Amino acid sequence: MNSSSFLDVFGYAPQATAKAPGRVNLLGEHTDYQGGFVLPAAIPQQATVMIGRGAGNVHRLHSANLNQTLSVPVGEVGTGFAPYLTGCLGLSGAPGAHDIWVWSDVPAGGLSSSAALELATLRALRLLYALPLNDVDLALLGQRVEHEYVGVMCGVMDQMASSLADTEHMLFLDTRSLDRRKLPLPAGTRNQAAQILVIDSGVPRRLAESGYNERRAQVEEASRLLDVTQLRDVQDVAQLSVLPELLHRRARHVVTENARVLEALKADAARFGELMNASHTSLQGDYEVSHPQVDALVALLQAHPLVYGARMTGAGFGGAVVALTQPDRAAEAGVDVLAQYPGEGRLVVP
């Protein structure tokens, strides 16, 4: 983190400060833009945003991570990290120019660093202007920022998790209705809750945005050919047999992933781990969003005696992996696996 504070950069104290966490998704990958079911949890790492009302007609946006300040005229989007902030300003209706200072320890790549930044910014704006917006409202605004300002046609899971999840529970979310409830982590040995392990593979995500939008377009075409609103409405994979081969595989991932999430709601840790393993196989083969180094890291985790199951997490093409481990053994398993992993991975959680 750069030592420059909001006061150092802008010459006055911030008028509002807020934080929001990243998230890890245990099950339910690439289903939220088809009305599916997901099981994320928050991670300890957070984005921090400080904000003040600026002067003139230019936003001053400072990233402490990058030690960079951008100047963006009011009403324009900007480049780099600016669209995440100017999108929040524009959609919240915040008037005039603003000075914004941001810092985040959420790792980039599969852990929703962008959603954390959006939600922290929106929380700060809610505080600054006493906006009558609840936590779901903020999540939906964050999703619109991605669509309208960033250009990523994401589902709503990341923003909902950053806004509503905590680190002690899974958030079961129906992304169509937005019905949700918090659930305990599955029971492992001695009936104690299993533990979440997250490792950054060290592989920068490449093609994640273009690949994401491409996959979304493919499953939307599959839905159209099947004459259903979303693949959420397909209950039997046999219905997919009429699709062309590529679309069949893409749709099969979504349909089977929804089934895995629903089964996981009542699963113990051992069965939950098996479902995570199956999810990775589906993401690797049917959805084709993994990466060889990520696959190698997942395989090491799946083979470890303290691990119930493991999979890639996030949009894919690099980034992070998640595993479910025996109670209080996640750090031990992570250190063991990283000692065997040929890449530049690092522990994120615990």
Protein backbone atom coordinates (compact mmCIF):
# COMPACT_ATOMS: atom_id res chain seq x y z
CA MET A 1 0.00 0.00 0.00
CA ASN A 2 1.29 3.49 -0.84
CA SER A 3 1.64 5.71 2.23
CA SER A 4 -0.30 8.61 0.69
CA SER A 5 -3.60 9.11 2.50
CA PHE A 6 -6.73 10.89 1.31
CA LEU A 7 -5.49 13.96 3.19
CA ASP A 8 -2.06 13.74 1.55
CA VAL A 9 -3.54 13.47 -1.94
CA PHE A 10 -6.43 15.94 -1.76
CA GLY A 11 -5.52 18.28 1.10
CA TYR A 12 -8.61 17.76 3.27
CA ALA A 13 -10.20 14.96 5.32
CA PRO A 14 -12.62 12.54 3.64
CA GLN A 15 -16.33 13.10 4.19
CA ALA A 16 -17.29 9.42 3.99
CA THR A 17 -15.44 6.10 4.25
CA ALA A 18 -16.72 2.60 3.50
CA LYS A 19 -15.45 -0.92 2.91
CA ALA A 20 -16.73 -4.03 1.13
CA PRO A 21 -15.27 -7.56 0.91
CA GLY A 22 -14.28 -9.76 -1.96
CA ARG A 23 -15.95 -13.15 -2.25
CA VAL A 24 -15.15 -16.75 -3.05
CA ASN A 25 -17.74 -18.93 -4.76
CA LEU A 26 -17.89 -22.48 -3.42
CA LEU A 27 -20.35 -23.78 -6.01
CA GLY A 28 -22.51 -22.34 -8.78
CA GLU A 29 -20.07 -20.96 -11.32
CA HIS A 30 -21.26 -19.29 -14.53
CA THR A 31 -24.90 -19.85 -13.65
CA ASP A 32 -25.98 -16.46 -12.29
CA TYR A 33 -26.56 -14.92 -15.72
CA GLN A 34 -28.92 -17.80 -16.44
CA GLY A 35 -31.02 -17.38 -13.31
CA GLY A 36 -29.21 -20.14 -11.44
CA PHE A 37 -28.21 -20.96 -7.88
CA VAL A 38 -24.92 -19.99 -6.23
CA LEU A 39 -23.09 -20.53 -2.93
CA PRO A 40 -20.54 -17.76 -2.29
CA ALA A 41 -18.96 -16.55 0.94
CA ALA A 42 -17.17 -13.32 1.76
CA ILE A 43 -13.40 -13.32 2.23
CA PRO A 44 -11.54 -11.21 4.83
CA GLN A 45 -9.88 -8.99 2.23
CA GLN A 46 -11.71 -5.75 1.46
CA ALA A 47 -11.75 -2.66 -0.70
CA THR A 48 -11.67 0.67 1.12
CA VAL A 49 -13.06 3.86 -0.41
CA MET A 50 -12.83 7.39 0.95
CA ILE A 51 -14.74 10.18 -0.72
CA GLY A 52 -15.28 13.90 -0.55
CA ARG A 53 -17.17 16.50 -2.56
CA GLY A 54 -14.79 18.03 -5.05
CA ALA A 55 -14.61 21.43 -6.74
CA GLY A 56 -15.06 22.34 -10.38
CA ASN A 57 -16.11 19.87 -13.06
CA VAL A 58 -13.45 17.16 -12.74
CA HIS A 59 -13.40 14.03 -10.57
CA ARG A 60 -10.03 13.26 -9.00
CA LEU A 61 -9.66 9.51 -8.50
CA HIS A 62 -6.66 8.12 -6.62
CA SER A 63 -5.61 4.47 -6.37
CA ALA A 64 -3.26 3.90 -3.44
CA ASN A 65 -2.43 0.45 -4.86
CA LEU A 66 -1.22 1.95 -8.13
CA ASN A 67 -0.04 5.27 -6.64
CA GLN A 68 -1.94 6.88 -9.52
CA THR A 69 -4.40 9.76 -9.71
CA LEU A 70 -6.80 10.07 -12.64
CA SER A 71 -8.69 13.22 -13.60
CA VAL A 72 -12.03 12.56 -15.28
CA PRO A 73 -14.46 15.30 -16.32
CA VAL A 74 -17.88 15.02 -14.70
CA GLY A 75 -20.16 13.07 -17.00
CA GLU A 76 -17.35 11.10 -18.65
CA VAL A 77 -16.39 7.49 -17.92
CA GLY A 78 -12.60 7.56 -17.99
CA THR A 79 -10.17 4.69 -18.43
CA GLY A 80 -8.21 2.27 -16.24
CA PHE A 81 -9.87 1.87 -12.85
CA ALA A 82 -12.00 4.98 -13.37
CA PRO A 83 -15.15 3.33 -14.85
CA TYR A 84 -15.79 1.40 -11.63
CA LEU A 85 -15.94 4.72 -9.77
CA THR A 86 -17.53 6.99 -12.36
CA GLY A 87 -20.17 4.32 -12.93
CA CYS A 88 -21.09 4.39 -9.24
CA LEU A 89 -21.17 8.19 -9.29
CA GLY A 90 -23.33 8.31 -12.41
CA LEU A 91 -25.85 5.64 -11.42
CA SER A 92 -26.24 6.89 -7.85
CA GLY A 93 -27.03 10.39 -9.07
CA ALA A 94 -24.25 11.97 -7.01
CA PRO A 95 -24.05 15.64 -8.08
CA GLY A 96 -20.94 17.53 -9.15
CA ALA A 97 -17.27 16.62 -8.85
CA HIS A 98 -15.81 14.20 -6.30
CA ASP A 99 -12.45 13.24 -4.89
CA ILE A 100 -12.14 9.49 -4.31
CA TRP A 101 -9.28 7.53 -2.71
CA VAL A 102 -9.30 3.74 -3.04
CA TRP A 103 -7.20 0.89 -1.73
CA SER A 104 -7.87 -2.84 -1.83
CA ASP A 105 -6.20 -6.02 -0.63
CA VAL A 106 -8.66 -8.23 -2.56
CA PRO A 107 -6.50 -10.21 -5.01
CA ALA A 108 -7.36 -9.72 -8.67
CA GLY A 109 -8.61 -12.84 -10.42
CA GLY A 110 -11.70 -14.75 -9.39
CA LEU A 111 -12.39 -13.13 -6.01
CA SER A 112 -14.55 -10.20 -7.11
CA SER A 113 -12.11 -7.37 -6.58
CA SER A 114 -14.21 -5.24 -8.93
CA ALA A 115 -17.47 -5.92 -7.05
CA ALA A 116 -15.74 -5.07 -3.77
CA LEU A 117 -14.61 -1.74 -5.24
CA GLU A 118 -18.09 -0.99 -6.58
CA LEU A 119 -19.85 -1.85 -3.33
CA ALA A 120 -17.39 0.08 -1.19
CA THR A 121 -17.88 3.12 -3.45
CA LEU A 122 -21.65 2.82 -3.36
CA ARG A 123 -21.64 2.39 0.42
CA ALA A 124 -19.54 5.54 0.75
CA LEU A 125 -21.94 7.44 -1.52
CA ARG A 126 -24.93 6.14 0.45
CA LEU A 127 -23.30 7.45 3.61
CA LEU A 128 -22.25 10.79 2.07
CA TYR A 129 -25.66 11.60 0.60
CA ALA A 130 -27.94 9.58 2.93
CA LEU A 131 -29.23 7.70 -0.13
CA PRO A 132 -32.39 5.61 0.50
CA LEU A 133 -30.80 2.43 -0.87
CA ASN A 134 -30.72 -0.96 0.85
CA ASP A 135 -27.99 -3.57 0.40
CA VAL A 136 -29.78 -5.30 -2.48
CA ASP A 137 -30.26 -1.95 -4.23
CA LEU A 138 -26.51 -1.36 -3.98
CA ALA A 139 -25.76 -4.80 -5.42
CA LEU A 140 -28.04 -4.20 -8.40
CA LEU A 141 -26.44 -0.80 -9.01
CA GLY A 142 -23.01 -2.44 -8.90
CA GLN A 143 -24.10 -4.95 -11.53
CA ARG A 144 -25.30 -2.07 -13.72
CA VAL A 145 -21.88 -0.42 -13.37
CA GLU A 146 -20.31 -3.57 -14.85
CA HIS A 147 -22.83 -3.67 -17.69
CA GLU A 148 -23.07 0.02 -18.57
CA TYR A 149 -19.64 1.41 -17.72
CA VAL A 150 -17.15 -1.49 -17.65
CA GLY A 151 -18.65 -3.59 -20.45
CA VAL A 152 -18.79 -6.95 -18.67
CA MET A 153 -22.25 -8.54 -18.84
CA CYS A 154 -21.94 -10.23 -15.46
CA GLY A 155 -24.62 -11.86 -13.39
CA VAL A 156 -25.52 -10.52 -9.96
CA MET A 157 -23.70 -13.01 -7.73
CA ASP A 158 -20.51 -11.02 -7.16
CA GLN A 159 -22.24 -7.82 -6.12
CA MET A 160 -24.81 -9.64 -3.97
CA ALA A 161 -22.05 -11.56 -2.19
CA SER A 162 -19.96 -8.44 -1.60
CA SER A 163 -23.02 -6.62 -0.27
CA LEU A 164 -24.65 -9.38 1.81
CA ALA A 165 -22.29 -12.30 2.55
CA ASP A 166 -20.02 -12.84 5.55
CA THR A 167 -16.93 -14.97 6.13
CA GLU A 168 -18.61 -17.46 8.49
CA HIS A 169 -21.42 -18.72 6.25
CA MET A 170 -22.31 -19.66 2.71
CA LEU A 171 -24.85 -17.37 1.05
CA PHE A 172 -27.35 -19.49 -0.86
CA LEU A 173 -28.72 -17.19 -3.53
CA ASP A 174 -31.39 -17.74 -6.14
CA THR A 175 -30.15 -15.27 -8.73
CA ARG A 176 -33.54 -15.09 -10.46
CA SER A 177 -35.73 -14.20 -7.49
CA LEU A 178 -32.88 -12.90 -5.28
CA ASP A 179 -34.26 -15.08 -2.47
CA ARG A 180 -31.36 -15.89 -0.19
CA ARG A 181 -30.35 -17.35 3.13
CA LYS A 182 -27.14 -17.88 5.02
CA LEU A 183 -26.11 -21.45 5.71
CA PRO A 184 -23.37 -22.99 7.84
CA LEU A 185 -20.39 -24.53 6.12
CA PRO A 186 -20.86 -28.29 5.65
CA ALA A 187 -20.01 -30.54 8.57
CA GLY A 188 -16.67 -32.34 8.41
CA THR A 189 -14.81 -34.53 10.88
CA ARG A 190 -16.14 -34.61 14.46
CA ASN A 191 -19.19 -32.84 13.04
CA GLN A 192 -17.25 -29.56 13.03
CA ALA A 193 -17.62 -27.12 10.16
CA ALA A 194 -15.25 -27.66 7.28
CA GLN A 195 -12.85 -24.84 6.43
CA ILE A 196 -12.44 -22.79 3.26
CA LEU A 197 -9.04 -22.60 1.60
CA VAL A 198 -8.39 -20.11 -1.21
CA ILE A 199 -5.17 -20.01 -3.21
CA ASP A 200 -4.22 -17.49 -5.88
CA SER A 201 -2.76 -19.58 -8.70
CA GLY A 202 -0.43 -16.78 -9.74
CA VAL A 203 -1.79 -17.01 -13.30
CA PRO A 204 -3.07 -13.59 -14.42
CA ARG A 205 -6.52 -13.87 -15.89
CA ARG A 206 -6.32 -13.54 -19.65
CA LEU A 207 -9.34 -13.30 -21.93
CA ALA A 208 -11.54 -13.29 -18.83
CA GLU A 209 -13.76 -10.41 -19.94
CA SER A 210 -14.02 -11.37 -23.61
CA GLY A 211 -14.34 -15.06 -22.73
CA TYR A 212 -17.02 -14.27 -20.16
CA ASN A 213 -19.12 -12.30 -22.61
CA GLU A 214 -18.65 -15.03 -25.24
CA ARG A 215 -19.84 -17.76 -22.85
CA ARG A 216 -22.82 -15.65 -21.87
CA ALA A 217 -23.78 -15.19 -25.53
CA GLN A 218 -23.47 -18.95 -26.11
CA VAL A 219 -25.80 -19.96 -23.28
CA GLU A 220 -28.25 -17.24 -24.27
CA GLU A 221 -28.33 -18.75 -27.76
CA ALA A 222 -28.84 -22.19 -26.22
CA SER A 223 -31.80 -20.85 -24.24
CA ARG A 224 -33.27 -19.36 -27.40
CA LEU A 225 -32.94 -22.62 -29.32
CA LEU A 226 -34.54 -24.52 -26.43
CA ASP A 227 -37.34 -21.93 -26.21
CA VAL A 228 -36.80 -21.32 -22.50
CA THR A 229 -36.32 -18.02 -20.71
CA GLN A 230 -33.09 -19.21 -19.10
CA LEU A 231 -31.28 -22.53 -18.71
CA ARG A 232 -32.49 -22.42 -15.10
CA ASP A 233 -35.76 -23.72 -16.57
CA VAL A 234 -34.16 -26.92 -17.93
CA GLN A 235 -34.50 -29.76 -15.44
CA ASP A 236 -33.22 -32.68 -17.50
CA VAL A 237 -29.96 -32.71 -19.48
CA ALA A 238 -31.70 -34.92 -22.05
CA GLN A 239 -33.52 -31.79 -23.20
CA LEU A 240 -30.17 -30.44 -24.41
CA SER A 241 -29.69 -33.15 -27.03
CA VAL A 242 -31.21 -30.96 -29.75
CA LEU A 243 -28.44 -28.37 -29.42
CA PRO A 244 -25.30 -28.14 -31.58
CA GLU A 245 -22.31 -29.81 -29.93
CA LEU A 246 -20.63 -26.67 -28.56
CA LEU A 247 -23.84 -25.18 -27.19
CA HIS A 248 -24.78 -28.59 -25.79
CA ARG A 249 -21.62 -28.64 -23.69
CA ARG A 250 -22.01 -25.06 -22.53
CA ALA A 251 -25.64 -25.63 -21.53
CA ARG A 252 -24.84 -28.96 -19.87
CA HIS A 253 -22.45 -27.19 -17.51
CA VAL A 254 -25.10 -24.71 -16.43
CA VAL A 255 -27.83 -27.32 -15.93
CA THR A 256 -25.60 -29.76 -14.02
CA GLU A 257 -24.05 -26.96 -11.95
CA ASN A 258 -27.48 -25.84 -10.76
CA ALA A 259 -28.20 -29.42 -9.72
CA ARG A 260 -24.90 -29.60 -7.84
CA VAL A 261 -25.71 -26.47 -5.83
CA LEU A 262 -29.13 -27.77 -4.85
CA GLU A 263 -27.68 -31.10 -3.77
CA ALA A 264 -24.93 -29.33 -1.81
CA LEU A 265 -27.47 -27.62 0.45
CA LYS A 266 -27.90 -30.82 2.44
CA ALA A 267 -24.49 -32.40 1.82
CA ASP A 268 -21.83 -33.17 4.40
CA ALA A 269 -18.28 -32.02 3.71
CA ALA A 270 -17.26 -35.23 1.95
CA ARG A 271 -20.14 -35.07 -0.53
CA PHE A 272 -19.78 -31.30 -0.90
CA GLY A 273 -16.16 -31.86 -1.88
CA GLU A 274 -17.16 -34.40 -4.51
CA LEU A 275 -19.57 -31.85 -5.96
CA MET A 276 -16.76 -29.25 -6.08
CA ASN A 277 -14.56 -31.72 -7.94
CA ALA A 278 -17.35 -32.41 -10.43
CA SER A 279 -17.87 -28.68 -10.87
CA HIS A 280 -14.23 -28.20 -11.82
CA THR A 281 -14.38 -31.04 -14.33
CA SER A 282 -17.42 -29.40 -15.91
CA LEU A 283 -15.82 -25.95 -15.99
CA GLN A 284 -12.68 -27.43 -17.48
CA GLY A 285 -14.32 -29.62 -20.11
CA ASP A 286 -17.82 -28.37 -20.93
CA TYR A 287 -17.38 -24.66 -20.27
CA GLU A 288 -13.67 -24.42 -21.12
CA VAL A 289 -12.83 -21.56 -18.77
CA SER A 290 -9.96 -23.09 -16.80
CA HIS A 291 -6.19 -22.93 -17.39
CA PRO A 292 -3.52 -25.70 -17.33
CA GLN A 293 -1.76 -24.28 -14.25
CA VAL A 294 -5.07 -23.84 -12.46
CA ASP A 295 -5.93 -27.44 -13.31
CA ALA A 296 -2.57 -28.57 -11.89
CA LEU A 297 -3.17 -26.69 -8.65
CA VAL A 298 -6.70 -28.08 -8.35
CA ALA A 299 -5.39 -31.62 -8.92
CA LEU A 300 -2.83 -31.21 -6.12
CA LEU A 301 -5.56 -30.01 -3.78
CA GLN A 302 -7.95 -32.79 -4.73
CA ALA A 303 -5.23 -35.37 -3.98
CA HIS A 304 -4.39 -33.96 -0.55
CA PRO A 305 -5.68 -36.06 2.38
CA LEU A 306 -6.93 -33.00 4.27
CA VAL A 307 -8.99 -31.71 1.32
CA TYR A 308 -12.58 -32.77 0.62
CA GLY A 309 -12.71 -31.15 -2.82
CA ALA A 310 -11.40 -28.27 -4.91
CA ARG A 311 -12.21 -26.26 -8.01
CA MET A 312 -11.43 -23.07 -9.85
CA THR A 313 -13.47 -20.09 -8.74
CA GLY A 314 -14.56 -16.98 -10.60
CA ALA A 315 -14.76 -16.28 -14.30
CA GLY A 316 -11.71 -18.41 -15.02
CA PHE A 317 -8.86 -18.25 -17.55
CA GLY A 318 -6.48 -18.02 -14.56
CA GLY A 319 -7.02 -16.58 -11.10
CA ALA A 320 -7.93 -18.32 -7.87
CA VAL A 321 -8.94 -21.79 -6.72
CA VAL A 322 -11.05 -22.79 -3.72
CA ALA A 323 -10.94 -25.94 -1.62
CA LEU A 324 -12.93 -27.33 1.29
CA THR A 325 -10.72 -28.84 3.99
CA GLN A 326 -10.97 -30.67 7.26
CA PRO A 327 -11.77 -28.37 10.20
CA ASP A 328 -8.85 -26.10 11.19
CA ARG A 329 -6.54 -27.71 8.63
CA ALA A 330 -6.82 -25.31 5.68
CA ALA A 331 -3.52 -23.49 6.24
CA GLU A 332 -1.66 -26.79 6.66
CA ALA A 333 -3.12 -28.17 3.43
CA GLY A 334 -2.39 -24.93 1.59
CA VAL A 335 1.26 -24.84 2.63
CA ASP A 336 1.70 -28.51 1.65
CA VAL A 337 0.17 -27.99 -1.78
CA LEU A 338 2.06 -24.78 -2.54
CA ALA A 339 5.32 -26.61 -1.76
CA GLN A 340 4.47 -28.99 -4.64
CA TYR A 341 2.99 -26.42 -7.01
CA PRO A 342 5.45 -25.26 -9.70
CA GLY A 343 3.77 -21.87 -10.14
CA GLU A 344 3.85 -18.68 -8.08
CA GLY A 345 0.76 -19.36 -5.99
CA ARG A 346 -0.01 -17.86 -2.59
CA LEU A 347 -2.47 -18.40 0.21
CA VAL A 348 -5.40 -15.99 0.32
CA VAL A 349 -7.67 -17.69 2.90
CA PRO A 350 -7.01 -18.55 5.68
